[in-house]
Amino acid sequence: MKNVLFCQLFVMLITSTLTGVACAVEKPSLEKGKLLFNSLSLAGAVTGKSCASCHPNGAGLQKAWMNPNLAVQVNTCIAGPLGGSKLDVNSVDMQSLILYIRSLKQ
């Protein structure tokens, strides 16, 4: 009987742990996008630059929200001037950056 109770408790513990992990999945956010936009280490950047180095306060990006290939453009900047590695276009980081950049529209 003790073995059965132990097994039931163990299963409950594992189930609650897995459920907790599933609930902690990160979602894209404007706040995260702004942090990444200003990060000197975005995607492993090695040049000491951030998106904000070339676009302080989003300068020049007011119409970027209309670009249907915005993720490609972001990756071009990351791999070029920032010296980082391109982000997966569906990643939380990329989607957060896009949210932030689109928030700059006029």
PDB file of N, CA and C in Angstrom:
ATOM      1  N   MET A   1       0.825  -1.194   0.000  1.00  0.00           N
ATOM      2  CA  MET A   1       0.000   0.000   0.000  1.00  0.00           C
ATOM      3  C   MET A   1       0.874   1.265   0.000  1.00  0.00           C
ATOM      4  N   LYS A   2       1.970   1.242   0.765  1.00  0.00           N
ATOM      5  CA  LYS A   2       2.859   2.397   0.815  1.00  0.00           C
ATOM      6  C   LYS A   2       3.470   2.661  -0.563  1.00  0.00           C
ATOM      7  N   ASN A   3       3.791   1.591  -1.274  1.00  0.00           N
ATOM      8  CA  ASN A   3       4.364   1.756  -2.612  1.00  0.00           C
ATOM      9  C   ASN A   3       3.374   2.418  -3.567  1.00  0.00           C
ATOM     10  N   VAL A   4       2.117   2.053  -3.448  1.00  0.00           N
ATOM     11  CA  VAL A   4       1.088   2.633  -4.305  1.00  0.00           C
ATOM     12  C   VAL A   4       0.939   4.117  -4.004  1.00  0.00           C
ATOM     13  N   LEU A   5       0.889   4.491  -2.735  1.00  0.00           N
ATOM     14  CA  LEU A   5       0.776   5.899  -2.362  1.00  0.00           C
ATOM     15  C   LEU A   5       1.996   6.692  -2.822  1.00  0.00           C
ATOM     16  N   PHE A   6       3.151   6.083  -2.653  1.00  0.00           N
ATOM     17  CA  PHE A   6       4.376   6.751  -3.083  1.00  0.00           C
ATOM     18  C   PHE A   6       4.333   7.004  -4.595  1.00  0.00           C
ATOM     19  N   CYS A   7       3.931   6.008  -5.348  1.00  0.00           N
ATOM     20  CA  CYS A   7       3.842   6.150  -6.808  1.00  0.00           C
ATOM     21  C   CYS A   7       2.830   7.224  -7.191  1.00  0.00           C
ATOM     22  N   GLN A   8       1.696   7.279  -6.512  1.00  0.00           N
ATOM     23  CA  GLN A   8       0.686   8.291  -6.818  1.00  0.00           C
ATOM     24  C   GLN A   8       1.223   9.696  -6.524  1.00  0.00           C
ATOM     25  N   LEU A   9       1.897   9.841  -5.398  1.00  0.00           N
ATOM     26  CA  LEU A   9       2.483  11.137  -5.053  1.00  0.00           C
ATOM     27  C   LEU A   9       3.556  11.539  -6.060  1.00  0.00           C
ATOM     28  N   PHE A  10       4.348  10.576  -6.453  1.00  0.00           N
ATOM     29  CA  PHE A  10       5.400  10.842  -7.423  1.00  0.00           C
ATOM     30  C   PHE A  10       4.801  11.316  -8.755  1.00  0.00           C
ATOM     31  N   VAL A  11       3.770  10.651  -9.218  1.00  0.00           N
ATOM     32  CA  VAL A  11       3.110  11.037 -10.464  1.00  0.00           C
ATOM     33  C   VAL A  11       2.511  12.432 -10.334  1.00  0.00           C
ATOM     34  N   MET A  12       1.903  12.734  -9.185  1.00  0.00           N
ATOM     35  CA  MET A  12       1.326  14.063  -8.969  1.00  0.00           C
ATOM     36  C   MET A  12       2.419  15.129  -8.985  1.00  0.00           C
ATOM     37  N   LEU A  13       3.543  14.841  -8.371  1.00  0.00           N
ATOM     38  CA  LEU A  13       4.651  15.780  -8.327  1.00  0.00           C
ATOM     39  C   LEU A  13       5.176  16.050  -9.737  1.00  0.00           C
ATOM     40  N   ILE A  14       5.398  15.011 -10.501  1.00  0.00           N
ATOM     41  CA  ILE A  14       5.899  15.156 -11.869  1.00  0.00           C
ATOM     42  C   ILE A  14       4.895  15.929 -12.719  1.00  0.00           C
ATOM     43  N   THR A  15       3.632  15.597 -12.591  1.00  0.00           N
ATOM     44  CA  THR A  15       2.590  16.271 -13.368  1.00  0.00           C
ATOM     45  C   THR A  15       2.539  17.760 -13.034  1.00  0.00           C
ATOM     46  N   SER A  16       2.589  18.096 -11.763  1.00  0.00           N
ATOM     47  CA  SER A  16       2.536  19.513 -11.381  1.00  0.00           C
ATOM     48  C   SER A  16       3.789  20.247 -11.833  1.00  0.00           C
ATOM     49  N   THR A  17       4.933  19.581 -11.810  1.00  0.00           N
ATOM     50  CA  THR A  17       6.171  20.198 -12.280  1.00  0.00           C
ATOM     51  C   THR A  17       6.088  20.479 -13.765  1.00  0.00           C
ATOM     52  N   LEU A  18       5.626  19.513 -14.527  1.00  0.00           N
ATOM     53  CA  LEU A  18       5.507  19.700 -15.972  1.00  0.00           C
ATOM     54  C   LEU A  18       4.483  20.779 -16.305  1.00  0.00           C
ATOM     55  N   THR A  19       3.425  20.816 -15.582  1.00  0.00           N
ATOM     56  CA  THR A  19       2.403  21.837 -15.807  1.00  0.00           C
ATOM     57  C   THR A  19       2.972  23.219 -15.520  1.00  0.00           C
ATOM     58  N   GLY A  20       3.760  23.325 -14.467  1.00  0.00           N
ATOM     59  CA  GLY A  20       4.377  24.602 -14.129  1.00  0.00           C
ATOM     60  C   GLY A  20       5.326  25.069 -15.211  1.00  0.00           C
ATOM     61  N   VAL A  21       6.067  24.158 -15.805  1.00  0.00           N
ATOM     62  CA  VAL A  21       6.983  24.510 -16.878  1.00  0.00           C
ATOM     63  C   VAL A  21       6.193  24.991 -18.082  1.00  0.00           C
ATOM     64  N   ALA A  22       5.115  24.316 -18.391  1.00  0.00           N
ATOM     65  CA  ALA A  22       4.305  24.693 -19.548  1.00  0.00           C
ATOM     66  C   ALA A  22       3.715  26.089 -19.369  1.00  0.00           C
ATOM     67  N   CYS A  23       3.395  26.465 -18.149  1.00  0.00           N
ATOM     68  CA  CYS A  23       2.811  27.771 -17.888  1.00  0.00           C
ATOM     69  C   CYS A  23       3.856  28.886 -17.937  1.00  0.00           C
ATOM     70  N   ALA A  24       5.130  28.514 -17.844  1.00  0.00           N
ATOM     71  CA  ALA A  24       6.185  29.510 -17.796  1.00  0.00           C
ATOM     72  C   ALA A  24       6.747  29.832 -19.181  1.00  0.00           C
ATOM     73  N   VAL A  25       6.097  29.408 -20.239  1.00  0.00           N
ATOM     74  CA  VAL A  25       6.571  29.672 -21.591  1.00  0.00           C
ATOM     75  C   VAL A  25       6.562  31.179 -21.842  1.00  0.00           C
ATOM     76  N   GLU A  26       7.687  31.669 -22.310  1.00  0.00           N
ATOM     77  CA  GLU A  26       7.829  33.103 -22.555  1.00  0.00           C
ATOM     78  C   GLU A  26       7.096  33.503 -23.835  1.00  0.00           C
ATOM     79  N   LYS A  27       6.487  34.669 -23.796  1.00  0.00           N
ATOM     80  CA  LYS A  27       5.771  35.203 -24.945  1.00  0.00           C
ATOM     81  C   LYS A  27       6.442  36.497 -25.381  1.00  0.00           C
ATOM     82  N   PRO A  28       6.346  36.837 -26.664  1.00  0.00           N
ATOM     83  CA  PRO A  28       6.920  38.098 -27.128  1.00  0.00           C
ATOM     84  C   PRO A  28       6.289  39.283 -26.395  1.00  0.00           C
ATOM     85  N   SER A  29       7.098  40.302 -26.134  1.00  0.00           N
ATOM     86  CA  SER A  29       6.563  41.486 -25.463  1.00  0.00           C
ATOM     87  C   SER A  29       7.272  42.743 -25.947  1.00  0.00           C
ATOM     88  N   LEU A  30       6.578  43.833 -25.865  1.00  0.00           N
ATOM     89  CA  LEU A  30       7.120  45.140 -26.226  1.00  0.00           C
ATOM     90  C   LEU A  30       8.314  45.482 -25.327  1.00  0.00           C
ATOM     91  N   GLU A  31       8.183  45.168 -24.044  1.00  0.00           N
ATOM     92  CA  GLU A  31       9.255  45.471 -23.086  1.00  0.00           C
ATOM     93  C   GLU A  31      10.532  44.712 -23.432  1.00  0.00           C
ATOM     94  N   LYS A  32      10.380  43.423 -23.740  1.00  0.00           N
ATOM     95  CA  LYS A  32      11.543  42.621 -24.111  1.00  0.00           C
ATOM     96  C   LYS A  32      12.147  43.156 -25.410  1.00  0.00           C
ATOM     97  N   GLY A  33      11.301  43.533 -26.350  1.00  0.00           N
ATOM     98  CA  GLY A  33      11.781  44.094 -27.608  1.00  0.00           C
ATOM     99  C   GLY A  33      12.617  45.344 -27.399  1.00  0.00           C
ATOM    100  N   LYS A  34      12.168  46.211 -26.511  1.00  0.00           N
ATOM    101  CA  LYS A  34      12.916  47.445 -26.225  1.00  0.00           C
ATOM    102  C   LYS A  34      14.267  47.116 -25.583  1.00  0.00           C
ATOM    103  N   LEU A  35      14.274  46.155 -24.666  1.00  0.00           N
ATOM    104  CA  LEU A  35      15.538  45.742 -24.042  1.00  0.00           C
ATOM    105  C   LEU A  35      16.505  45.184 -25.081  1.00  0.00           C
ATOM    106  N   LEU A  36      15.992  44.325 -25.970  1.00  0.00           N
ATOM    107  CA  LEU A  36      16.841  43.736 -27.006  1.00  0.00           C
ATOM    108  C   LEU A  36      17.339  44.803 -27.976  1.00  0.00           C
ATOM    109  N   PHE A  37      16.484  45.744 -28.320  1.00  0.00           N
ATOM    110  CA  PHE A  37      16.837  46.834 -29.234  1.00  0.00           C
ATOM    111  C   PHE A  37      18.022  47.631 -28.691  1.00  0.00           C
ATOM    112  N   ASN A  38      18.105  47.743 -27.386  1.00  0.00           N
ATOM    113  CA  ASN A  38      19.172  48.512 -26.734  1.00  0.00           C
ATOM    114  C   ASN A  38      20.326  47.650 -26.233  1.00  0.00           C
ATOM    115  N   SER A  39      20.257  46.354 -26.452  1.00  0.00           N
ATOM    116  CA  SER A  39      21.265  45.428 -25.948  1.00  0.00           C
ATOM    117  C   SER A  39      22.527  45.421 -26.814  1.00  0.00           C
ATOM    118  N   LEU A  40      23.677  45.512 -26.161  1.00  0.00           N
ATOM    119  CA  LEU A  40      24.956  45.444 -26.860  1.00  0.00           C
ATOM    120  C   LEU A  40      25.355  44.003 -27.171  1.00  0.00           C
ATOM    121  N   SER A  41      24.592  43.054 -26.639  1.00  0.00           N
ATOM    122  CA  SER A  41      24.932  41.639 -26.856  1.00  0.00           C
ATOM    123  C   SER A  41      23.819  40.871 -27.567  1.00  0.00           C
ATOM    124  N   LEU A  42      22.931  41.579 -28.241  1.00  0.00           N
ATOM    125  CA  LEU A  42      21.836  40.954 -28.973  1.00  0.00           C
ATOM    126  C   LEU A  42      22.369  39.895 -29.928  1.00  0.00           C
ATOM    127  N   ALA A  43      21.854  38.685 -29.801  1.00  0.00           N
ATOM    128  CA  ALA A  43      22.198  37.569 -30.695  1.00  0.00           C
ATOM    129  C   ALA A  43      23.706  37.337 -30.794  1.00  0.00           C
ATOM    130  N   GLY A  44      24.405  37.584 -29.695  1.00  0.00           N
ATOM    131  CA  GLY A  44      25.850  37.353 -29.672  1.00  0.00           C
ATOM    132  C   GLY A  44      26.658  38.449 -30.346  1.00  0.00           C
ATOM    133  N   ALA A  45      26.080  39.637 -30.459  1.00  0.00           N
ATOM    134  CA  ALA A  45      26.766  40.755 -31.105  1.00  0.00           C
ATOM    135  C   ALA A  45      28.134  40.990 -30.469  1.00  0.00           C
ATOM    136  N   VAL A  46      29.123  41.287 -31.311  1.00  0.00           N
ATOM    137  CA  VAL A  46      30.491  41.444 -30.824  1.00  0.00           C
ATOM    138  C   VAL A  46      31.107  42.815 -31.139  1.00  0.00           C
ATOM    139  N   THR A  47      30.355  43.690 -31.770  1.00  0.00           N
ATOM    140  CA  THR A  47      30.922  44.971 -32.199  1.00  0.00           C
ATOM    141  C   THR A  47      30.744  46.094 -31.183  1.00  0.00           C
ATOM    142  N   GLY A  48      30.036  45.811 -30.099  1.00  0.00           N
ATOM    143  CA  GLY A  48      29.781  46.862 -29.115  1.00  0.00           C
ATOM    144  C   GLY A  48      28.666  47.795 -29.537  1.00  0.00           C
ATOM    145  N   LYS A  49      27.884  47.379 -30.531  1.00  0.00           N
ATOM    146  CA  LYS A  49      26.759  48.183 -31.008  1.00  0.00           C
ATOM    147  C   LYS A  49      25.446  47.496 -30.670  1.00  0.00           C
ATOM    148  N   SER A  50      24.405  48.311 -30.636  1.00  0.00           N
ATOM    149  CA  SER A  50      23.046  47.802 -30.488  1.00  0.00           C
ATOM    150  C   SER A  50      22.233  48.383 -31.642  1.00  0.00           C
ATOM    151  N   CYS A  51      21.001  47.960 -31.769  1.00  0.00           N
ATOM    152  CA  CYS A  51      20.114  48.563 -32.782  1.00  0.00           C
ATOM    153  C   CYS A  51      20.038  50.071 -32.546  1.00  0.00           C
ATOM    154  N   ALA A  52      20.004  50.451 -31.276  1.00  0.00           N
ATOM    155  CA  ALA A  52      19.885  51.862 -30.906  1.00  0.00           C
ATOM    156  C   ALA A  52      21.131  52.674 -31.256  1.00  0.00           C
ATOM    157  N   SER A  53      22.258  52.022 -31.484  1.00  0.00           N
ATOM    158  CA  SER A  53      23.464  52.754 -31.881  1.00  0.00           C
ATOM    159  C   SER A  53      23.251  53.462 -33.213  1.00  0.00           C
ATOM    160  N   CYS A  54      22.583  52.794 -34.137  1.00  0.00           N
ATOM    161  CA  CYS A  54      22.301  53.383 -35.454  1.00  0.00           C
ATOM    162  C   CYS A  54      20.933  54.056 -35.501  1.00  0.00           C
ATOM    163  N   HIS A  55      20.059  53.645 -34.598  1.00  0.00           N
ATOM    164  CA  HIS A  55      18.682  54.160 -34.574  1.00  0.00           C
ATOM    165  C   HIS A  55      18.317  54.636 -33.169  1.00  0.00           C
ATOM    166  N   PRO A  56      18.991  55.705 -32.655  1.00  0.00           N
ATOM    167  CA  PRO A  56      18.676  56.179 -31.300  1.00  0.00           C
ATOM    168  C   PRO A  56      17.195  56.547 -31.177  1.00  0.00           C
ATOM    169  N   ASN A  57      16.574  56.023 -30.163  1.00  0.00           N
ATOM    170  CA  ASN A  57      15.136  56.231 -29.940  1.00  0.00           C
ATOM    171  C   ASN A  57      14.289  55.822 -31.145  1.00  0.00           C
ATOM    172  N   GLY A  58      14.799  54.901 -31.946  1.00  0.00           N
ATOM    173  CA  GLY A  58      14.048  54.413 -33.100  1.00  0.00           C
ATOM    174  C   GLY A  58      14.139  55.291 -34.324  1.00  0.00           C
ATOM    175  N   ALA A  59      15.063  56.238 -34.343  1.00  0.00           N
ATOM    176  CA  ALA A  59      15.206  57.152 -35.481  1.00  0.00           C
ATOM    177  C   ALA A  59      15.346  56.382 -36.788  1.00  0.00           C
ATOM    178  N   GLY A  60      14.558  56.797 -37.782  1.00  0.00           N
ATOM    179  CA  GLY A  60      14.612  56.179 -39.096  1.00  0.00           C
ATOM    180  C   GLY A  60      13.770  54.924 -39.241  1.00  0.00           C
ATOM    181  N   LEU A  61      13.110  54.522 -38.175  1.00  0.00           N
ATOM    182  CA  LEU A  61      12.319  53.288 -38.221  1.00  0.00           C
ATOM    183  C   LEU A  61      10.818  53.542 -38.158  1.00  0.00           C
ATOM    184  N   GLN A  62      10.417  54.787 -38.279  1.00  0.00           N
ATOM    185  CA  GLN A  62       9.012  55.131 -38.135  1.00  0.00           C
ATOM    186  C   GLN A  62       8.118  54.452 -39.170  1.00  0.00           C
ATOM    187  N   LYS A  63       8.678  54.089 -40.322  1.00  0.00           N
ATOM    188  CA  LYS A  63       7.876  53.439 -41.362  1.00  0.00           C
ATOM    189  C   LYS A  63       8.249  51.966 -41.533  1.00  0.00           C
ATOM    190  N   ALA A  64       9.130  51.465 -40.686  1.00  0.00           N
ATOM    191  CA  ALA A  64       9.571  50.075 -40.786  1.00  0.00           C
ATOM    192  C   ALA A  64       8.427  49.098 -40.568  1.00  0.00           C
ATOM    193  N   TRP A  65       7.396  49.510 -39.841  1.00  0.00           N
ATOM    194  CA  TRP A  65       6.252  48.637 -39.564  1.00  0.00           C
ATOM    195  C   TRP A  65       5.565  48.175 -40.841  1.00  0.00           C
ATOM    196  N   MET A  66       5.745  48.933 -41.933  1.00  0.00           N
ATOM    197  CA  MET A  66       5.108  48.576 -43.202  1.00  0.00           C
ATOM    198  C   MET A  66       5.900  47.522 -43.978  1.00  0.00           C
ATOM    199  N   ASN A  67       7.135  47.284 -43.591  1.00  0.00           N
ATOM    200  CA  ASN A  67       8.007  46.349 -44.304  1.00  0.00           C
ATOM    201  C   ASN A  67       7.530  44.910 -44.090  1.00  0.00           C
ATOM    202  N   PRO A  68       7.079  44.231 -45.155  1.00  0.00           N
ATOM    203  CA  PRO A  68       6.602  42.853 -44.995  1.00  0.00           C
ATOM    204  C   PRO A  68       7.739  41.877 -44.681  1.00  0.00           C
ATOM    205  N   ASN A  69       8.979  42.316 -44.888  1.00  0.00           N
ATOM    206  CA  ASN A  69      10.157  41.477 -44.618  1.00  0.00           C
ATOM    207  C   ASN A  69      10.972  42.040 -43.454  1.00  0.00           C
ATOM    208  N   LEU A  70      10.278  42.570 -42.472  1.00  0.00           N
ATOM    209  CA  LEU A  70      10.952  43.227 -41.354  1.00  0.00           C
ATOM    210  C   LEU A  70      11.909  42.288 -40.625  1.00  0.00           C
ATOM    211  N   ALA A  71      11.520  41.042 -40.429  1.00  0.00           N
ATOM    212  CA  ALA A  71      12.398  40.085 -39.738  1.00  0.00           C
ATOM    213  C   ALA A  71      13.690  39.878 -40.518  1.00  0.00           C
ATOM    214  N   VAL A  72      13.603  39.826 -41.827  1.00  0.00           N
ATOM    215  CA  VAL A  72      14.798  39.670 -42.669  1.00  0.00           C
ATOM    216  C   VAL A  72      15.693  40.900 -42.507  1.00  0.00           C
ATOM    217  N   GLN A  73      15.091  42.077 -42.498  1.00  0.00           N
ATOM    218  CA  GLN A  73      15.867  43.312 -42.336  1.00  0.00           C
ATOM    219  C   GLN A  73      16.539  43.357 -40.966  1.00  0.00           C
ATOM    220  N   VAL A  74      15.817  42.956 -39.929  1.00  0.00           N
ATOM    221  CA  VAL A  74      16.394  42.924 -38.583  1.00  0.00           C
ATOM    222  C   VAL A  74      17.597  41.987 -38.569  1.00  0.00           C
ATOM    223  N   ASN A  75      17.454  40.811 -39.171  1.00  0.00           N
ATOM    224  CA  ASN A  75      18.562  39.852 -39.210  1.00  0.00           C
ATOM    225  C   ASN A  75      19.749  40.380 -40.012  1.00  0.00           C
ATOM    226  N   THR A  76      19.495  41.161 -41.051  1.00  0.00           N
ATOM    227  CA  THR A  76      20.577  41.769 -41.833  1.00  0.00           C
ATOM    228  C   THR A  76      21.389  42.703 -40.941  1.00  0.00           C
ATOM    229  N   CYS A  77      20.711  43.482 -40.127  1.00  0.00           N
ATOM    230  CA  CYS A  77      21.403  44.384 -39.198  1.00  0.00           C
ATOM    231  C   CYS A  77      22.139  43.618 -38.105  1.00  0.00           C
ATOM    232  N   ILE A  78      21.511  42.567 -37.596  1.00  0.00           N
ATOM    233  CA  ILE A  78      22.162  41.773 -36.540  1.00  0.00           C
ATOM    234  C   ILE A  78      23.441  41.138 -37.064  1.00  0.00           C
ATOM    235  N   ALA A  79      23.360  40.510 -38.242  1.00  0.00           N
ATOM    236  CA  ALA A  79      24.519  39.813 -38.799  1.00  0.00           C
ATOM    237  C   ALA A  79      25.575  40.781 -39.338  1.00  0.00           C
ATOM    238  N   GLY A  80      25.139  41.962 -39.786  1.00  0.00           N
ATOM    239  CA  GLY A  80      26.072  42.943 -40.345  1.00  0.00           C
ATOM    240  C   GLY A  80      26.667  43.844 -39.283  1.00  0.00           C
ATOM    241  N   PRO A  81      26.095  45.030 -39.077  1.00  0.00           N
ATOM    242  CA  PRO A  81      26.663  46.006 -38.144  1.00  0.00           C
ATOM    243  C   PRO A  81      26.857  45.508 -36.705  1.00  0.00           C
ATOM    244  N   LEU A  82      25.979  44.628 -36.226  1.00  0.00           N
ATOM    245  CA  LEU A  82      26.105  44.162 -34.846  1.00  0.00           C
ATOM    246  C   LEU A  82      27.081  42.995 -34.710  1.00  0.00           C
ATOM    247  N   GLY A  83      27.316  42.282 -35.797  1.00  0.00           N
ATOM    248  CA  GLY A  83      28.238  41.142 -35.749  1.00  0.00           C
ATOM    249  C   GLY A  83      27.698  39.971 -34.959  1.00  0.00           C
ATOM    250  N   GLY A  84      26.378  39.816 -34.956  1.00  0.00           N
ATOM    251  CA  GLY A  84      25.759  38.714 -34.216  1.00  0.00           C
ATOM    252  C   GLY A  84      25.284  37.609 -35.137  1.00  0.00           C
ATOM    253  N   SER A  85      24.550  36.676 -34.578  1.00  0.00           N
ATOM    254  CA  SER A  85      23.982  35.561 -35.334  1.00  0.00           C
ATOM    255  C   SER A  85      22.511  35.842 -35.598  1.00  0.00           C
ATOM    256  N   LYS A  86      22.069  35.540 -36.800  1.00  0.00           N
ATOM    257  CA  LYS A  86      20.679  35.763 -37.157  1.00  0.00           C
ATOM    258  C   LYS A  86      19.751  35.026 -36.202  1.00  0.00           C
ATOM    259  N   LEU A  87      18.630  35.641 -35.898  1.00  0.00           N
ATOM    260  CA  LEU A  87      17.613  35.047 -35.029  1.00  0.00           C
ATOM    261  C   LEU A  87      16.625  34.238 -35.858  1.00  0.00           C
ATOM    262  N   ASP A  88      16.069  33.209 -35.270  1.00  0.00           N
ATOM    263  CA  ASP A  88      14.959  32.493 -35.889  1.00  0.00           C
ATOM    264  C   ASP A  88      13.811  33.486 -35.987  1.00  0.00           C
ATOM    265  N   VAL A  89      13.205  33.602 -37.158  1.00  0.00           N
ATOM    266  CA  VAL A  89      12.160  34.607 -37.350  1.00  0.00           C
ATOM    267  C   VAL A  89      10.937  34.361 -36.481  1.00  0.00           C
ATOM    268  N   ASN A  90      10.766  33.144 -35.991  1.00  0.00           N
ATOM    269  CA  ASN A  90       9.633  32.828 -35.130  1.00  0.00           C
ATOM    270  C   ASN A  90       9.990  32.841 -33.646  1.00  0.00           C
ATOM    271  N   SER A  91      11.218  33.192 -33.316  1.00  0.00           N
ATOM    272  CA  SER A  91      11.653  33.176 -31.913  1.00  0.00           C
ATOM    273  C   SER A  91      10.999  34.303 -31.118  1.00  0.00           C
ATOM    274  N   VAL A  92      10.967  34.128 -29.818  1.00  0.00           N
ATOM    275  CA  VAL A  92      10.423  35.150 -28.921  1.00  0.00           C
ATOM    276  C   VAL A  92      11.229  36.446 -29.066  1.00  0.00           C
ATOM    277  N   ASP A  93      12.547  36.322 -29.190  1.00  0.00           N
ATOM    278  CA  ASP A  93      13.381  37.522 -29.331  1.00  0.00           C
ATOM    279  C   ASP A  93      13.023  38.299 -30.596  1.00  0.00           C
ATOM    280  N   MET A  94      12.931  37.594 -31.735  1.00  0.00           N
ATOM    281  CA  MET A  94      12.615  38.285 -32.988  1.00  0.00           C
ATOM    282  C   MET A  94      11.219  38.890 -32.935  1.00  0.00           C
ATOM    283  N   GLN A  95      10.259  38.150 -32.446  1.00  0.00           N
ATOM    284  CA  GLN A  95       8.889  38.665 -32.387  1.00  0.00           C
ATOM    285  C   GLN A  95       8.786  39.845 -31.434  1.00  0.00           C
ATOM    286  N   SER A  96       9.581  39.838 -30.365  1.00  0.00           N
ATOM    287  CA  SER A  96       9.606  40.971 -29.430  1.00  0.00           C
ATOM    288  C   SER A  96      10.228  42.201 -30.089  1.00  0.00           C
ATOM    289  N   LEU A  97      11.319  42.001 -30.828  1.00  0.00           N
ATOM    290  CA  LEU A  97      11.936  43.118 -31.551  1.00  0.00           C
ATOM    291  C   LEU A  97      10.956  43.721 -32.559  1.00  0.00           C
ATOM    292  N   ILE A  98      10.253  42.873 -33.277  1.00  0.00           N
ATOM    293  CA  ILE A  98       9.290  43.357 -34.260  1.00  0.00           C
ATOM    294  C   ILE A  98       8.165  44.139 -33.582  1.00  0.00           C
ATOM    295  N   LEU A  99       7.696  43.649 -32.450  1.00  0.00           N
ATOM    296  CA  LEU A  99       6.659  44.385 -31.700  1.00  0.00           C
ATOM    297  C   LEU A  99       7.157  45.780 -31.337  1.00  0.00           C
ATOM    298  N   TYR A 100       8.394  45.850 -30.849  1.00  0.00           N
ATOM    299  CA  TYR A 100       8.953  47.150 -30.453  1.00  0.00           C
ATOM    300  C   TYR A 100       9.113  48.065 -31.660  1.00  0.00           C
ATOM    301  N   ILE A 101       9.696  47.552 -32.736  1.00  0.00           N
ATOM    302  CA  ILE A 101       9.913  48.377 -33.922  1.00  0.00           C
ATOM    303  C   ILE A 101       8.583  48.878 -34.487  1.00  0.00           C
ATOM    304  N   ARG A 102       7.589  48.019 -34.505  1.00  0.00           N
ATOM    305  CA  ARG A 102       6.265  48.433 -35.005  1.00  0.00           C
ATOM    306  C   ARG A 102       5.612  49.468 -34.086  1.00  0.00           C
ATOM    307  N   SER A 103       6.002  49.491 -32.830  1.00  0.00           N
ATOM    308  CA  SER A 103       5.431  50.478 -31.910  1.00  0.00           C
ATOM    309  C   SER A 103       5.970  51.878 -32.194  1.00  0.00           C
ATOM    310  N   LEU A 104       7.004  51.979 -33.006  1.00  0.00           N
ATOM    311  CA  LEU A 104       7.621  53.265 -33.311  1.00  0.00           C
ATOM    312  C   LEU A 104       6.947  53.991 -34.471  1.00  0.00           C
ATOM    313  N   LYS A 105       5.959  53.348 -35.082  1.00  0.00           N
ATOM    314  CA  LYS A 105       5.330  53.942 -36.265  1.00  0.00           C
ATOM    315  C   LYS A 105       4.670  55.278 -35.949  1.00  0.00           C
ATOM    316  N   GLN A 106       4.601  56.109 -36.975  1.00  0.00           N
ATOM    317  CA  GLN A 106       3.980  57.423 -36.823  1.00  0.00           C
ATOM    318  C   GLN A 106       2.684  57.477 -37.593  1.00  0.00           C
TER     319      GLN A 106
END
